[in-house]
């Protein structure tokens, strides 16, 4: 899947032109925005003739729901992009107004940069953190993320172990590694949020489901 982003300092009409140029002659192109008002604020979108939709289940006159083809992600937040990619089999996605909050997605997928100032990549995680996330990337997580309380508990146990053994939990690095290991939809952000809670001193409960010997191998990676 091709991915690209455009700096937020590029004005919106020019961003749209850059996006169309990057897409080229693709057969199926859809614009997806965060809300009806965000689309209506740029009349050139509706006059383009492209199918248009918005994220979520909010009522709107823009009803396109892309499942294939290429998407122009119009000023979407990171969670909206991940949710969109998780529910579709896209050929490409170009993000208008990519900024620092999109850095995990940009870093994980080496997203192509189209204009102005590039977003700084997230520094690489250490080998132990990479090993931990790879070990958590088993079938239940890859199927449904951290929706199931058992998988969430496993993630909390793993993060707590790493923290208690001197490994710094950097939420953005964890999100990058989860994306690289194909965690679905917004589950990489959920893993990052668990790390933030632990870093803030919150005591998160978990069941001891992981093998101590397996966890010990992470720290020696």
Protein backbone atom coordinates (compact mmCIF):
# COMPACT_ATOMS: atom_id res chain seq x y z
CA UNK A 1 0.00 0.00 0.00
CA UNK A 2 1.29 3.45 -0.95
CA UNK A 3 1.16 6.20 1.67
CA UNK A 4 2.03 9.90 1.57
CA UNK A 5 1.45 13.06 3.59
CA UNK A 6 1.49 16.83 3.08
CA UNK A 7 2.71 19.42 5.58
CA UNK A 8 -0.04 21.48 7.29
CA UNK A 9 1.61 24.74 6.18
CA UNK A 10 0.69 24.02 2.56
CA UNK A 11 -2.66 25.71 1.89
CA UNK A 12 -5.60 23.41 1.32
CA UNK A 13 -6.19 24.03 -2.41
CA UNK A 14 -2.51 23.36 -3.13
CA UNK A 15 -2.60 20.31 -0.83
CA UNK A 16 -5.50 18.94 -2.86
CA UNK A 17 -3.56 19.47 -6.09
CA UNK A 18 -0.50 17.73 -4.64
CA UNK A 19 -2.63 14.83 -3.49
CA UNK A 20 -4.24 14.43 -6.91
CA UNK A 21 -0.84 14.60 -8.60
CA UNK A 22 0.55 11.90 -6.29
CA UNK A 23 -2.46 9.66 -6.92
CA UNK A 24 -2.09 9.98 -10.68
CA UNK A 25 -4.58 8.12 -12.84
CA UNK A 26 -5.91 5.75 -10.18
CA UNK A 27 -9.39 4.52 -11.05
CA UNK A 28 -11.07 4.85 -7.66
CA UNK A 29 -10.37 7.88 -5.46
CA UNK A 30 -12.38 8.92 -2.40
CA UNK A 31 -12.06 11.94 -0.14
CA UNK A 32 -12.65 11.22 3.56
CA UNK A 33 -12.89 14.08 6.07
CA UNK A 34 -13.51 14.30 9.82
CA UNK A 35 -16.88 16.03 9.55
CA UNK A 36 -19.42 17.55 7.18
CA UNK A 37 -18.30 21.06 8.09
CA UNK A 38 -14.64 20.25 7.37
CA UNK A 39 -15.59 19.17 3.85
CA UNK A 40 -17.93 22.09 3.24
CA UNK A 41 -15.21 24.55 4.31
CA UNK A 42 -13.34 23.65 1.11
CA UNK A 43 -15.89 23.92 -1.75
CA UNK A 44 -13.36 22.69 -4.31
CA UNK A 45 -13.74 19.22 -2.78
CA UNK A 46 -17.43 18.96 -3.61
CA UNK A 47 -16.88 20.47 -7.06
CA UNK A 48 -14.16 17.91 -7.84
CA UNK A 49 -16.72 15.21 -8.58
CA UNK A 50 -14.96 12.70 -6.33
CA UNK A 51 -16.95 10.53 -3.90
CA UNK A 52 -16.78 12.02 -0.40
CA UNK A 53 -17.35 10.52 3.03
CA UNK A 54 -16.67 11.31 6.65
CA UNK A 55 -15.28 9.22 9.48
CA UNK A 56 -17.39 7.50 12.10
CA UNK A 57 -21.12 6.96 12.01
CA UNK A 58 -22.24 10.57 12.18
CA UNK A 59 -25.11 11.57 9.91
CA UNK A 60 -23.92 13.42 6.83
CA UNK A 61 -24.80 14.05 3.22
CA UNK A 62 -21.31 12.76 2.41
CA UNK A 63 -21.85 9.02 2.52
CA UNK A 64 -18.96 7.38 0.65
CA UNK A 65 -17.41 4.45 2.54
CA UNK A 66 -14.24 3.42 0.69
CA UNK A 67 -13.28 -0.23 0.92
CA UNK A 68 -10.79 -0.24 -1.97
CA UNK A 69 -8.93 2.26 -4.13
CA UNK A 70 -7.08 5.35 -2.91
CA UNK A 71 -8.17 7.76 -0.18
CA UNK A 72 -7.41 11.44 0.28
CA UNK A 73 -7.47 11.65 4.08
CA UNK A 74 -8.63 15.21 4.57
CA UNK A 75 -7.26 16.58 7.87
CA UNK A 76 -7.85 13.30 9.71
CA UNK A 77 -6.47 12.51 13.16
CA UNK A 78 -4.20 9.50 13.59
CA UNK A 79 -6.88 7.31 15.16
CA UNK A 80 -9.19 8.05 12.23
CA UNK A 81 -6.50 7.05 9.73
CA UNK A 82 -5.77 3.79 11.53
CA UNK A 83 -9.45 2.97 11.78
CA UNK A 84 -9.93 3.75 8.09
CA UNK A 85 -7.01 1.56 7.05
CA UNK A 86 -8.20 -1.22 9.34
CA UNK A 87 -11.63 -1.43 7.73
CA UNK A 88 -10.55 -1.23 4.09
CA UNK A 89 -8.21 -2.86 1.59
CA UNK A 90 -6.77 0.29 0.09
CA UNK A 91 -4.23 0.75 -2.68
CA UNK A 92 -3.08 4.07 -1.27
CA UNK A 93 -3.73 6.88 1.18
CA UNK A 94 -2.49 10.47 1.09
CA UNK A 95 -2.91 12.57 4.23
CA UNK A 96 -3.55 16.29 3.99
CA UNK A 97 -2.11 18.12 7.01
CA UNK A 98 0.24 15.53 8.43
CA UNK A 99 1.87 16.74 11.64
CA UNK A 100 3.72 15.57 14.74
CA UNK A 101 0.83 13.52 16.12
CA UNK A 102 0.97 11.38 12.96
CA UNK A 103 4.66 10.57 13.52
CA UNK A 104 4.15 6.93 14.64
CA UNK A 105 2.25 6.14 11.42
CA UNK A 106 4.74 8.08 9.29
CA UNK A 107 7.71 6.37 10.94
CA UNK A 108 6.32 2.83 10.94
CA UNK A 109 5.41 2.88 7.25
CA UNK A 110 8.16 5.21 6.00
CA UNK A 111 5.39 7.40 4.57
CA UNK A 112 6.35 9.48 1.55
CA UNK A 113 6.63 13.23 2.14
CA UNK A 114 5.13 15.57 -0.46
CA UNK A 115 5.64 19.15 0.64
CA UNK A 116 7.24 21.74 2.98
CA UNK A 117 8.64 20.52 6.32
CA UNK A 118 8.80 16.76 7.01
CA UNK A 119 7.65 15.35 10.33
CA UNK A 120 10.57 14.21 12.49
CA UNK A 121 10.63 10.40 12.75
CA UNK A 122 10.22 8.64 16.07
CA UNK A 123 13.61 7.40 17.34
CA UNK A 124 14.05 3.65 17.08
CA UNK A 125 13.06 1.57 20.09
CA UNK A 126 15.64 -0.62 21.73
CA UNK A 127 15.96 -4.30 20.88
CA UNK A 128 14.22 -5.37 24.10
CA UNK A 129 11.12 -3.26 23.40
CA UNK A 130 11.03 -4.52 19.81
CA UNK A 131 11.25 -8.11 21.05
CA UNK A 132 8.45 -7.55 23.56
CA UNK A 133 6.02 -6.11 20.99
CA UNK A 134 6.86 -8.85 18.48
CA UNK A 135 6.16 -11.49 21.15
CA UNK A 136 2.80 -9.91 21.96
CA UNK A 137 1.84 -9.94 18.28
CA UNK A 138 0.08 -13.29 18.41
CA UNK A 139 -3.10 -14.30 16.60
CA UNK A 140 -5.63 -12.88 19.12
CA UNK A 141 -3.94 -9.46 19.08
CA UNK A 142 -3.58 -9.46 15.30
CA UNK A 143 -7.26 -10.36 14.95
CA UNK A 144 -8.83 -7.93 17.40
CA UNK A 145 -6.15 -5.83 19.05
CA UNK A 146 -6.61 -5.14 22.75
CA UNK A 147 -10.42 -5.27 22.76
CA UNK A 148 -10.43 -8.53 24.72
CA UNK A 149 -9.62 -8.02 28.41
CA UNK A 150 -7.22 -10.97 28.32
CA UNK A 151 -5.07 -9.42 25.60
CA UNK A 152 -5.13 -6.06 27.38
CA UNK A 153 -4.06 -7.77 30.60
CA UNK A 154 -1.18 -9.46 28.78
CA UNK A 155 -0.04 -6.11 27.38
CA UNK A 156 -0.17 -4.52 30.84
CA UNK A 157 1.86 -7.38 32.32
CA UNK A 158 4.48 -7.05 29.58
CA UNK A 159 4.78 -3.28 29.92
CA UNK A 160 4.95 -3.49 33.72
CA UNK A 161 7.70 -6.10 33.51
CA UNK A 162 9.76 -3.99 31.13
CA UNK A 163 9.36 -0.86 33.25
CA UNK A 164 10.28 -2.73 36.43
CA UNK A 165 13.41 -4.04 34.73
CA UNK A 166 14.69 -0.61 33.82
CA UNK A 167 13.37 -0.21 30.29
CA UNK A 168 11.92 3.19 29.45
CA UNK A 169 8.40 3.04 28.01
CA UNK A 170 8.16 5.56 25.17
CA UNK A 171 4.51 5.50 24.02
CA UNK A 172 5.28 6.65 20.47
CA UNK A 173 7.93 3.96 20.02
CA UNK A 174 5.49 1.32 21.21
CA UNK A 175 2.91 2.53 18.71
CA UNK A 176 5.50 2.36 15.91
CA UNK A 177 6.43 -1.22 16.76
CA UNK A 178 2.78 -2.28 17.04
CA UNK A 179 2.10 -0.80 13.60
CA UNK A 180 5.12 -2.59 12.16
CA UNK A 181 3.78 -5.84 13.60
CA UNK A 182 0.38 -5.25 11.96
CA UNK A 183 -1.70 -4.60 15.06
CA UNK A 184 -5.19 -3.75 13.80
CA UNK A 185 -7.02 -0.44 13.75
CA UNK A 186 -6.33 1.77 16.80
CA UNK A 187 -4.74 -0.93 18.98
CA UNK A 188 -1.22 0.58 18.56
CA UNK A 189 -2.56 3.77 20.15
CA UNK A 190 -4.16 1.74 22.94
CA UNK A 191 -0.79 0.12 23.71
CA UNK A 192 0.80 3.58 23.80
CA UNK A 193 -1.93 4.80 26.15
CA UNK A 194 -1.30 1.92 28.56
CA UNK A 195 2.35 2.96 28.67
CA UNK A 196 1.37 6.57 29.39
CA UNK A 197 -0.79 5.45 32.29
CA UNK A 198 2.02 3.37 33.76
CA UNK A 199 4.49 6.22 33.28
CA UNK A 200 2.08 8.50 35.16
CA UNK A 201 2.15 6.14 38.14
CA UNK A 202 -1.22 4.50 37.63
CA UNK A 203 -1.47 0.93 38.94
CA UNK A 204 -3.00 -1.18 36.19
CA UNK A 205 -4.24 -4.61 37.19
CA UNK A 206 -3.32 -7.68 35.19
CA UNK A 207 -3.37 -11.45 35.36
CA UNK A 208 -0.04 -13.24 35.19
CA UNK A 209 -0.46 -14.97 31.84
CA UNK A 210 3.05 -14.58 30.42
CA UNK A 211 5.90 -17.03 31.02
CA UNK A 212 8.61 -15.34 33.17
CA UNK A 213 11.33 -17.10 31.17
CA UNK A 214 9.92 -15.71 27.93
CA UNK A 215 9.82 -12.20 29.38
CA UNK A 216 13.39 -12.55 30.60
CA UNK A 217 14.48 -13.26 27.03
CA UNK A 218 13.18 -9.85 25.95
CA UNK A 219 15.59 -8.08 28.28
CA UNK A 220 18.55 -9.95 26.79
CA UNK A 221 17.59 -9.21 23.17
